[in-house]
Structures are given as structure tokens and as C-alpha cells.
């Protein structure tokens, strides 16, 4: 069940900053498409260029992303940590998505509904039979609930930072 704490809710007067973190390593073939297709409600796109030796940085910047560079590849977890450290005092809602285009970035908008209901963490997981992203965090009575048939290797994560200011 979602929390009832209005202060930490996305409906708070300070809850207007959404961002996307995209860890990327040698993703020049897909990073442009991913950045270009993120819904406009997410004002800033933060790409963590994890030591890429291709054109990932240039393509991400050309598609409007803020790029933070690792000088060498440190791995997915380190790239996420760099992204979270960068955004922790700047944004209310942080969503992560992979740079490899396995998820349709247009589906990210679906993560906002459970966040608006007060959930602090939402996982978007593709349904095996349909390939569409489903935000977990819904009650079982939701018409979008799919039971346990989930592709657990494909996550899009969303995190809400408690009260600002």
C-alpha cells in the first residue's frame, strides 16, 4: 500500500523535478534513440558515460543529455552511483533506464502514476507475453496487475527522494 505521508508525496509543492539516469558504455548505436524518445515531462536526462571508446558521449550530448564521464569503465553499479550522487540534491524523482534500447523510453511516463499515488520506489518490468512495461507497486486489484508472469531481468527503476527544502 502507498504511504499516506503527504510531505514525501510527489504531490508536494516541491515535487516538480524529474530526471532520468542512463548508464552507458559504448552505446553509440542506441543512446541517441533512447534520449530522443524520453517523454518531455522528464526535463533533464543524465547519461553516465562509463569510459566509452565510441561516440556515446557526443551522441548523448547532441540529443540534449547532460553527460558525466568516467575516464575508464567502472561498471554499471559505479555508473549508477555516479548518477545518484549527481542528482541527489537536485531532483525529487529519479528514474533509471538502460542505454541499450531494450525498453521503449516512451513507457517511462507510466511510472509517474504510482509515484503520484505516494510510492517511494517503482519498478517497471516487462510482461513476458506482451513486451510492454508494467510499473510494479500497484495493488493487486489494479487492472494492470499481471500476477507473477514477469521478465525479472528487465528493470526500469524509479526512486523518490523524501521532502525537499
Protein backbone atom coordinates (compact mmCIF):
# COMPACT_ATOMS: atom_id res chain seq x y z
CA UNK A 1 0.00 0.00 0.00
CA UNK A 2 1.27 3.52 -0.69
CA UNK A 3 2.29 5.70 2.23
CA UNK A 4 -0.05 8.41 3.46
CA UNK A 5 2.72 10.88 4.27
CA UNK A 6 1.80 13.99 2.24
CA UNK A 7 5.17 15.64 2.92
CA UNK A 8 7.03 12.93 0.98
CA UNK A 9 4.42 12.61 -1.73
CA UNK A 10 5.05 13.61 -5.33
CA UNK A 11 2.07 15.95 -4.87
CA UNK A 12 4.22 18.11 -2.57
CA UNK A 13 4.73 21.73 -3.66
CA UNK A 14 8.42 20.99 -4.29
CA UNK A 15 7.85 17.83 -6.28
CA UNK A 16 8.40 19.21 -9.74
CA UNK A 17 11.81 17.90 -10.70
CA UNK A 18 12.06 14.64 -12.60
CA UNK A 19 15.20 13.25 -14.15
CA UNK A 20 16.44 10.16 -15.93
CA UNK A 21 19.80 8.48 -15.29
CA UNK A 22 21.16 6.38 -18.14
CA UNK A 23 24.37 4.42 -17.52
CA UNK A 24 26.07 3.89 -20.88
CA UNK A 25 29.13 2.01 -22.10
CA UNK A 26 29.81 2.00 -25.86
CA UNK A 27 26.14 2.56 -26.74
CA UNK A 28 26.57 4.82 -29.79
CA UNK A 29 24.09 2.72 -31.77
CA UNK A 30 21.22 3.22 -29.30
CA UNK A 31 21.84 6.16 -26.94
CA UNK A 32 20.50 8.76 -29.37
CA UNK A 33 17.22 6.92 -29.86
CA UNK A 34 16.81 6.38 -26.11
CA UNK A 35 17.43 10.06 -25.26
CA UNK A 36 15.25 11.30 -28.12
CA UNK A 37 12.26 9.18 -27.06
CA UNK A 38 12.15 10.02 -23.35
CA UNK A 39 8.89 11.89 -22.60
CA UNK A 40 9.33 15.65 -22.25
CA UNK A 41 7.99 15.66 -18.65
CA UNK A 42 11.48 14.49 -17.72
CA UNK A 43 13.32 17.78 -18.18
CA UNK A 44 16.86 16.53 -17.70
CA UNK A 45 18.47 13.37 -18.99
CA UNK A 46 21.70 12.42 -17.23
CA UNK A 47 23.92 10.00 -19.16
CA UNK A 48 26.79 8.44 -17.25
CA UNK A 49 29.32 7.68 -19.97
CA UNK A 50 31.17 4.80 -18.34
CA UNK A 51 34.51 5.04 -20.14
CA UNK A 52 33.10 4.52 -23.65
CA UNK A 53 35.60 4.48 -26.52
CA UNK A 54 32.97 5.16 -29.19
CA UNK A 55 30.74 8.20 -29.87
CA UNK A 56 28.36 7.63 -26.92
CA UNK A 57 29.23 10.96 -25.26
CA UNK A 58 28.87 13.04 -28.42
CA UNK A 59 25.59 11.43 -29.47
CA UNK A 60 24.10 11.78 -25.97
CA UNK A 61 25.04 15.48 -25.85
CA UNK A 62 23.64 16.01 -29.36
CA UNK A 63 20.35 14.59 -28.08
CA UNK A 64 20.13 17.00 -25.16
CA UNK A 65 21.63 14.89 -22.37
CA UNK A 66 23.85 16.12 -19.59
CA UNK A 67 26.86 13.79 -19.79
CA UNK A 68 29.08 12.82 -16.89
CA UNK A 69 32.18 10.92 -17.96
CA UNK A 70 34.14 8.17 -16.27
CA UNK A 71 37.67 8.15 -17.69
CA UNK A 72 37.65 4.34 -17.63
CA UNK A 73 34.92 1.72 -17.46
CA UNK A 74 33.92 1.22 -13.82
CA UNK A 75 30.83 -0.91 -14.37
CA UNK A 76 27.07 -0.50 -14.23
CA UNK A 77 26.83 -0.13 -10.45
CA UNK A 78 29.51 2.58 -10.32
CA UNK A 79 27.80 4.44 -13.18
CA UNK A 80 24.50 4.38 -11.27
CA UNK A 81 26.24 5.55 -8.10
CA UNK A 82 27.83 8.46 -10.01
CA UNK A 83 24.40 9.37 -11.37
CA UNK A 84 22.69 9.20 -7.97
CA UNK A 85 25.45 11.28 -6.38
CA UNK A 86 24.99 13.92 -9.09
CA UNK A 87 21.20 14.14 -8.78
CA UNK A 88 20.65 13.60 -5.05
CA UNK A 89 20.08 17.24 -4.11
CA UNK A 90 18.75 18.42 -7.44
CA UNK A 91 15.72 16.25 -8.21
CA UNK A 92 12.66 14.85 -6.46
CA UNK A 93 12.14 11.83 -8.74
CA UNK A 94 14.94 9.83 -10.34
CA UNK A 95 14.34 7.13 -12.91
CA UNK A 96 16.98 4.83 -14.36
CA UNK A 97 16.84 3.18 -17.75
CA UNK A 98 19.46 1.26 -19.69
CA UNK A 99 21.05 2.73 -22.80
CA UNK A 100 20.71 -0.41 -24.91
CA UNK A 101 17.15 0.33 -26.15
CA UNK A 102 15.66 -2.87 -24.74
CA UNK A 103 12.94 -0.69 -23.17
CA UNK A 104 10.80 1.82 -25.00
CA UNK A 105 11.56 5.16 -23.28
CA UNK A 106 8.03 6.35 -24.09
CA UNK A 107 6.82 3.83 -21.49
CA UNK A 108 8.59 5.79 -18.73
CA UNK A 109 5.56 8.05 -18.40
CA UNK A 110 3.71 5.08 -16.90
CA UNK A 111 6.00 5.16 -13.86
CA UNK A 112 4.60 8.50 -12.74
CA UNK A 113 1.12 7.17 -11.86
CA UNK A 114 2.22 5.01 -8.92
CA UNK A 115 4.67 7.73 -7.83
CA UNK A 116 1.79 10.22 -7.72
CA UNK A 117 -0.06 7.73 -5.50
CA UNK A 118 2.78 8.00 -2.99
CA UNK A 119 5.06 5.07 -3.72
CA UNK A 120 8.74 5.73 -2.99
CA UNK A 121 10.13 3.06 -5.33
CA UNK A 122 8.57 1.76 -8.53
CA UNK A 123 9.98 -0.97 -10.76
CA UNK A 124 8.90 -1.19 -14.37
CA UNK A 125 9.08 -4.78 -15.52
CA UNK A 126 8.18 -6.08 -18.96
CA UNK A 127 5.42 -8.64 -19.17
CA UNK A 128 6.73 -11.73 -20.93
CA UNK A 129 3.71 -12.18 -23.12
CA UNK A 130 3.27 -8.58 -24.25
CA UNK A 131 6.69 -6.89 -24.04
CA UNK A 132 5.16 -3.73 -22.56
CA UNK A 133 6.50 -2.20 -19.37
CA UNK A 134 4.35 -2.58 -16.26
CA UNK A 135 5.00 -0.37 -13.25
CA UNK A 136 5.06 -2.58 -10.18
CA UNK A 137 3.73 -1.06 -7.00
CA UNK A 138 0.09 -1.27 -7.99
CA UNK A 139 -2.32 -3.07 -5.71
CA UNK A 140 -3.44 -6.48 -6.96
CA UNK A 141 -6.87 -5.06 -7.73
CA UNK A 142 -5.36 -2.83 -10.43
CA UNK A 143 -6.48 -3.68 -13.98
CA UNK A 144 -2.79 -3.59 -14.96
CA UNK A 145 -1.71 -6.26 -12.47
CA UNK A 146 -0.26 -9.28 -14.24
CA UNK A 147 0.37 -11.69 -11.39
CA UNK A 148 3.75 -13.37 -11.35
CA UNK A 149 4.46 -13.71 -15.08
CA UNK A 150 7.25 -11.17 -15.27
CA UNK A 151 10.55 -10.74 -17.06
CA UNK A 152 12.64 -10.12 -13.95
CA UNK A 153 15.81 -9.40 -15.94
CA UNK A 154 14.38 -6.20 -17.40
CA UNK A 155 14.01 -3.42 -14.88
CA UNK A 156 13.36 0.28 -15.15
CA UNK A 157 13.65 1.77 -11.69
CA UNK A 158 12.17 4.90 -10.17
CA UNK A 159 13.12 6.41 -6.84
CA UNK A 160 11.56 9.30 -4.94
CA UNK A 161 13.69 11.42 -2.63
CA UNK A 162 11.90 12.38 0.61
CA UNK A 163 10.89 16.03 1.14
CA UNK A 164 12.91 18.89 -0.31
CA UNK A 165 13.68 22.12 1.50
